[in-house]
Amino acid sequence: MAFADLSNILWRGREMLELLLFKLEEEQLVLASARTRWLAHATREVELVLEQIRQVEVLRAAEVEVVAALLGLPPNPSLSALAEAAPDPWGKLFAEHRKAFLTLTAEITALADANRDLLTSGHRAVRETLLTVGGAVETYGPRGSTVTAGVRPRLVDEAM
């Protein structure tokens, strides 16, 4: 029964990671389409999924301890150690879960990094635009640091 319980929790974890990936893709679409009014909503949905993942992780950690004790493993074993020690078909199933987790976490990391880059470049573009309108412009010095480039001509003729 403990093997089945752990497997069910691992399936739930996989589902949550897939949902997180989906929500990060939604967030990326919002960022790429410049629909910033929806960004807070998309980010809130990501945070809700992350909270669900934390809850599933607590259940997984507790169930891993039960299975580890049944298999005679030390506390807090890795999923690969459980897969090696568990009898078939559980060992194969745990190994498949591990492989899926590795794939999903790599995809999530790549997507989260891409979203962070979109946010950073968007922030930089807005800041540079506002500084241009305001008169001073930030640019980059020879060593890559940010420097103020002085006053530039305004796009709007204020003499009228």
C-alpha atoms as a PDB file:
ATOM      1  CA  MET A   1       0.000   0.000   0.000  1.00  0.00           C
ATOM      2  CA  ALA A   2       2.834   2.443   0.793  1.00  0.00           C
ATOM      3  CA  PHE A   3       4.308   2.005  -2.717  1.00  0.00           C
ATOM      4  CA  ALA A   4       0.951   2.829  -4.294  1.00  0.00           C
ATOM      5  CA  ASP A   5       0.507   5.854  -2.026  1.00  0.00           C
ATOM      6  CA  LEU A   6       3.945   7.185  -2.963  1.00  0.00           C
ATOM      7  CA  SER A   7       3.281   6.590  -6.638  1.00  0.00           C
ATOM      8  CA  ASN A   8      -0.007   8.510  -6.414  1.00  0.00           C
ATOM      9  CA  ILE A   9       1.746  11.431  -4.720  1.00  0.00           C
ATOM     10  CA  LEU A  10       4.475  11.389  -7.386  1.00  0.00           C
ATOM     11  CA  TRP A  11       1.799  11.484 -10.103  1.00  0.00           C
ATOM     12  CA  ARG A  12       0.232  14.473  -8.378  1.00  0.00           C
ATOM     13  CA  GLY A  13       3.641  16.151  -8.260  1.00  0.00           C
ATOM     14  CA  ARG A  14       4.124  15.575 -11.977  1.00  0.00           C
ATOM     15  CA  GLU A  15       0.705  17.042 -12.691  1.00  0.00           C
ATOM     16  CA  MET A  16       1.561  20.104 -10.627  1.00  0.00           C
ATOM     17  CA  LEU A  17       4.870  20.589 -12.463  1.00  0.00           C
ATOM     18  CA  GLU A  18       3.072  20.310 -15.808  1.00  0.00           C
ATOM     19  CA  LEU A  19       0.535  22.879 -14.608  1.00  0.00           C
ATOM     20  CA  LEU A  20       3.372  25.167 -13.515  1.00  0.00           C
ATOM     21  CA  LEU A  21       4.935  24.853 -16.954  1.00  0.00           C
ATOM     22  CA  PHE A  22       1.595  25.764 -18.538  1.00  0.00           C
ATOM     23  CA  LYS A  23       1.155  28.786 -16.258  1.00  0.00           C
ATOM     24  CA  LEU A  24       4.688  29.981 -17.026  1.00  0.00           C
ATOM     25  CA  GLU A  25       3.896  29.692 -20.739  1.00  0.00           C
ATOM     26  CA  GLU A  26       0.772  31.801 -20.168  1.00  0.00           C
ATOM     27  CA  GLU A  27       2.881  34.339 -18.310  1.00  0.00           C
ATOM     28  CA  GLN A  28       5.351  34.406 -21.213  1.00  0.00           C
ATOM     29  CA  LEU A  29       2.526  35.053 -23.684  1.00  0.00           C
ATOM     30  CA  VAL A  30       1.329  37.960 -21.555  1.00  0.00           C
ATOM     31  CA  LEU A  31       4.858  39.377 -21.420  1.00  0.00           C
ATOM     32  CA  ALA A  32       5.557  38.885 -25.127  1.00  0.00           C
ATOM     33  CA  SER A  33       2.249  40.444 -26.174  1.00  0.00           C
ATOM     34  CA  ALA A  34       2.790  43.464 -23.882  1.00  0.00           C
ATOM     35  CA  ARG A  35      -0.555  42.857 -22.164  1.00  0.00           C
ATOM     36  CA  THR A  36       0.850  44.053 -18.873  1.00  0.00           C
ATOM     37  CA  ARG A  37      -2.550  44.570 -17.294  1.00  0.00           C
ATOM     38  CA  TRP A  38      -2.824  40.754 -17.143  1.00  0.00           C
ATOM     39  CA  LEU A  39       0.657  40.231 -15.728  1.00  0.00           C
ATOM     40  CA  ALA A  40      -0.415  40.412 -12.074  1.00  0.00           C
ATOM     41  CA  HIS A  41      -3.118  37.802 -12.716  1.00  0.00           C
ATOM     42  CA  ALA A  42      -0.714  35.472 -14.546  1.00  0.00           C
ATOM     43  CA  THR A  43       1.891  35.854 -11.798  1.00  0.00           C
ATOM     44  CA  ARG A  44      -0.707  35.174  -9.096  1.00  0.00           C
ATOM     45  CA  GLU A  45      -1.684  31.943 -10.876  1.00  0.00           C
ATOM     46  CA  VAL A  46       1.966  30.857 -10.945  1.00  0.00           C
ATOM     47  CA  GLU A  47       2.220  31.538  -7.205  1.00  0.00           C
ATOM     48  CA  LEU A  48      -0.922  29.474  -6.506  1.00  0.00           C
ATOM     49  CA  VAL A  49       0.530  26.493  -8.387  1.00  0.00           C
ATOM     50  CA  LEU A  50       3.823  26.877  -6.514  1.00  0.00           C
ATOM     51  CA  GLU A  51       1.911  26.711  -3.215  1.00  0.00           C
ATOM     52  CA  GLN A  52       0.176  23.513  -4.347  1.00  0.00           C
ATOM     53  CA  ILE A  53       3.559  22.051  -5.291  1.00  0.00           C
ATOM     54  CA  ARG A  54       4.857  22.837  -1.785  1.00  0.00           C
ATOM     55  CA  GLN A  55       1.909  20.992  -0.252  1.00  0.00           C
ATOM     56  CA  VAL A  56       2.440  17.952  -2.471  1.00  0.00           C
ATOM     57  CA  GLU A  57       6.147  18.022  -1.622  1.00  0.00           C
ATOM     58  CA  VAL A  58       5.369  17.765   2.095  1.00  0.00           C
ATOM     59  CA  LEU A  59       3.166  14.727   1.447  1.00  0.00           C
ATOM     60  CA  ARG A  60       5.852  13.201  -0.794  1.00  0.00           C
ATOM     61  CA  ALA A  61       8.563  13.660   1.845  1.00  0.00           C
ATOM     62  CA  ALA A  62       6.414  11.968   4.497  1.00  0.00           C
ATOM     63  CA  GLU A  63       5.541   9.038   2.233  1.00  0.00           C
ATOM     64  CA  VAL A  64       9.176   8.615   1.137  1.00  0.00           C
ATOM     65  CA  GLU A  65      10.111   8.070   4.789  1.00  0.00           C
ATOM     66  CA  VAL A  66       7.526   5.288   5.094  1.00  0.00           C
ATOM     67  CA  VAL A  67       8.725   3.564   1.911  1.00  0.00           C
ATOM     68  CA  ALA A  68      12.386   4.007   2.881  1.00  0.00           C
ATOM     69  CA  ALA A  69      11.715   2.296   6.218  1.00  0.00           C
ATOM     70  CA  LEU A  70       9.977  -0.608   4.427  1.00  0.00           C
ATOM     71  CA  LEU A  71      12.960  -1.010   2.103  1.00  0.00           C
ATOM     72  CA  GLY A  72      15.547  -0.644   4.869  1.00  0.00           C
ATOM     73  CA  LEU A  73      16.966   2.573   3.394  1.00  0.00           C
ATOM     74  CA  PRO A  74      18.315   5.471   5.450  1.00  0.00           C
ATOM     75  CA  PRO A  75      16.025   8.485   6.014  1.00  0.00           C
ATOM     76  CA  ASN A  76      15.390  10.909   3.146  1.00  0.00           C
ATOM     77  CA  PRO A  77      16.598   8.740   0.239  1.00  0.00           C
ATOM     78  CA  SER A  78      16.646  10.048  -3.305  1.00  0.00           C
ATOM     79  CA  LEU A  79      14.051   8.915  -5.801  1.00  0.00           C
ATOM     80  CA  SER A  80      16.747   7.039  -7.719  1.00  0.00           C
ATOM     81  CA  ALA A  81      17.714   5.162  -4.521  1.00  0.00           C
ATOM     82  CA  LEU A  82      14.063   4.240  -3.989  1.00  0.00           C
ATOM     83  CA  ALA A  83      13.778   3.102  -7.608  1.00  0.00           C
ATOM     84  CA  GLU A  84      16.821   0.865  -7.251  1.00  0.00           C
ATOM     85  CA  ALA A  85      15.642  -0.690  -3.985  1.00  0.00           C
ATOM     86  CA  ALA A  86      11.923  -1.091  -4.765  1.00  0.00           C
ATOM     87  CA  PRO A  87      10.615  -4.332  -6.256  1.00  0.00           C
ATOM     88  CA  ASP A  88       9.099  -4.373  -9.735  1.00  0.00           C
ATOM     89  CA  PRO A  89       6.890  -2.810 -10.973  1.00  0.00           C
ATOM     90  CA  TRP A  90       7.435  -0.014  -8.423  1.00  0.00           C
ATOM     91  CA  GLY A  91      11.137   0.405  -9.130  1.00  0.00           C
ATOM     92  CA  LYS A  92      10.498   0.988 -12.819  1.00  0.00           C
ATOM     93  CA  LEU A  93       7.631   3.342 -12.058  1.00  0.00           C
ATOM     94  CA  PHE A  94       9.729   5.397  -9.615  1.00  0.00           C
ATOM     95  CA  ALA A  95      12.521   5.588 -12.210  1.00  0.00           C
ATOM     96  CA  GLU A  96      10.014   6.883 -14.777  1.00  0.00           C
ATOM     97  CA  HIS A  97       8.806   9.522 -12.301  1.00  0.00           C
ATOM     98  CA  ARG A  98      12.395  10.608 -11.703  1.00  0.00           C
ATOM     99  CA  LYS A  99      13.057  10.957 -15.433  1.00  0.00           C
ATOM    100  CA  ALA A 100       9.844  12.979 -15.897  1.00  0.00           C
ATOM    101  CA  PHE A 101      10.750  15.253 -12.964  1.00  0.00           C
ATOM    102  CA  LEU A 102      14.179  15.959 -14.445  1.00  0.00           C
ATOM    103  CA  THR A 103      12.690  16.808 -17.833  1.00  0.00           C
ATOM    104  CA  LEU A 104       9.945  19.017 -16.396  1.00  0.00           C
ATOM    105  CA  THR A 105      12.241  20.905 -14.051  1.00  0.00           C
ATOM    106  CA  ALA A 106      14.674  21.624 -16.917  1.00  0.00           C
ATOM    107  CA  GLU A 107      11.797  22.985 -19.027  1.00  0.00           C
ATOM    108  CA  ILE A 108      10.459  25.051 -16.118  1.00  0.00           C
ATOM    109  CA  THR A 109      13.900  26.512 -15.406  1.00  0.00           C
ATOM    110  CA  ALA A 110      14.397  27.488 -19.056  1.00  0.00           C
ATOM    111  CA  LEU A 111      10.958  29.084 -19.277  1.00  0.00           C
ATOM    112  CA  ALA A 112      11.334  30.938 -15.966  1.00  0.00           C
ATOM    113  CA  ASP A 113      14.713  32.299 -17.146  1.00  0.00           C
ATOM    114  CA  ALA A 114      13.172  33.426 -20.454  1.00  0.00           C
ATOM    115  CA  ASN A 115      10.330  35.169 -18.590  1.00  0.00           C
ATOM    116  CA  ARG A 116      12.829  36.894 -16.306  1.00  0.00           C
ATOM    117  CA  ASP A 117      14.739  38.107 -19.384  1.00  0.00           C
ATOM    118  CA  LEU A 118      11.517  39.451 -20.922  1.00  0.00           C
ATOM    119  CA  LEU A 119      10.703  41.315 -17.710  1.00  0.00           C
ATOM    120  CA  THR A 120      14.212  42.743 -17.474  1.00  0.00           C
ATOM    121  CA  SER A 121      14.332  43.924 -21.071  1.00  0.00           C
ATOM    122  CA  GLY A 122      10.828  45.400 -20.795  1.00  0.00           C
ATOM    123  CA  HIS A 123      11.780  47.256 -17.635  1.00  0.00           C
ATOM    124  CA  ARG A 124      14.949  48.555 -19.262  1.00  0.00           C
ATOM    125  CA  ALA A 125      13.041  49.739 -22.355  1.00  0.00           C
ATOM    126  CA  VAL A 126      10.473  51.600 -20.262  1.00  0.00           C
ATOM    127  CA  ARG A 127      13.178  53.219 -18.129  1.00  0.00           C
ATOM    128  CA  GLU A 128      15.172  54.330 -21.167  1.00  0.00           C
ATOM    129  CA  THR A 129      12.067  55.719 -22.850  1.00  0.00           C
ATOM    130  CA  LEU A 130      11.096  57.687 -19.752  1.00  0.00           C
ATOM    131  CA  LEU A 131      14.607  59.039 -19.370  1.00  0.00           C
ATOM    132  CA  THR A 132      14.648  60.099 -23.015  1.00  0.00           C
ATOM    133  CA  VAL A 133      11.408  62.012 -22.598  1.00  0.00           C
ATOM    134  CA  GLY A 134      12.678  63.510 -19.346  1.00  0.00           C
ATOM    135  CA  GLY A 135      15.877  64.832 -20.894  1.00  0.00           C
ATOM    136  CA  ALA A 136      18.665  62.573 -19.617  1.00  0.00           C
ATOM    137  CA  VAL A 137      19.471  59.163 -21.012  1.00  0.00           C
ATOM    138  CA  GLU A 138      21.173  56.232 -19.363  1.00  0.00           C
ATOM    139  CA  THR A 139      23.548  54.258 -21.516  1.00  0.00           C
ATOM    140  CA  TYR A 140      26.377  51.810 -20.970  1.00  0.00           C
ATOM    141  CA  GLY A 141      29.998  52.719 -20.397  1.00  0.00           C
ATOM    142  CA  PRO A 142      33.013  50.849 -21.782  1.00  0.00           C
ATOM    143  CA  ARG A 143      32.956  48.410 -18.840  1.00  0.00           C
ATOM    144  CA  GLY A 144      29.223  47.689 -19.106  1.00  0.00           C
ATOM    145  CA  SER A 145      28.144  49.879 -16.204  1.00  0.00           C
ATOM    146  CA  THR A 146      25.193  52.234 -16.496  1.00  0.00           C
ATOM    147  CA  VAL A 147      26.082  55.900 -17.016  1.00  0.00           C
ATOM    148  CA  THR A 148      24.035  59.017 -17.689  1.00  0.00           C
ATOM    149  CA  ALA A 149      24.690  60.304 -21.201  1.00  0.00           C
ATOM    150  CA  GLY A 150      23.615  63.884 -20.638  1.00  0.00           C
ATOM    151  CA  VAL A 151      20.695  65.847 -21.968  1.00  0.00           C
ATOM    152  CA  ARG A 152      19.423  64.992 -25.417  1.00  0.00           C
ATOM    153  CA  PRO A 153      17.104  67.042 -27.568  1.00  0.00           C
ATOM    154  CA  ARG A 154      13.462  66.464 -26.731  1.00  0.00           C
ATOM    155  CA  LEU A 155      11.097  64.927 -29.183  1.00  0.00           C
ATOM    156  CA  VAL A 156       8.394  67.462 -28.349  1.00  0.00           C
ATOM    157  CA  ASP A 157       8.929  71.112 -29.209  1.00  0.00           C
ATOM    158  CA  GLU A 158       7.954  72.990 -26.037  1.00  0.00           C
ATOM    159  CA  ALA A 159       8.275  76.423 -27.705  1.00  0.00           C
ATOM    160  CA  MET A 160       4.751  76.294 -29.077  1.00  0.00           C
END
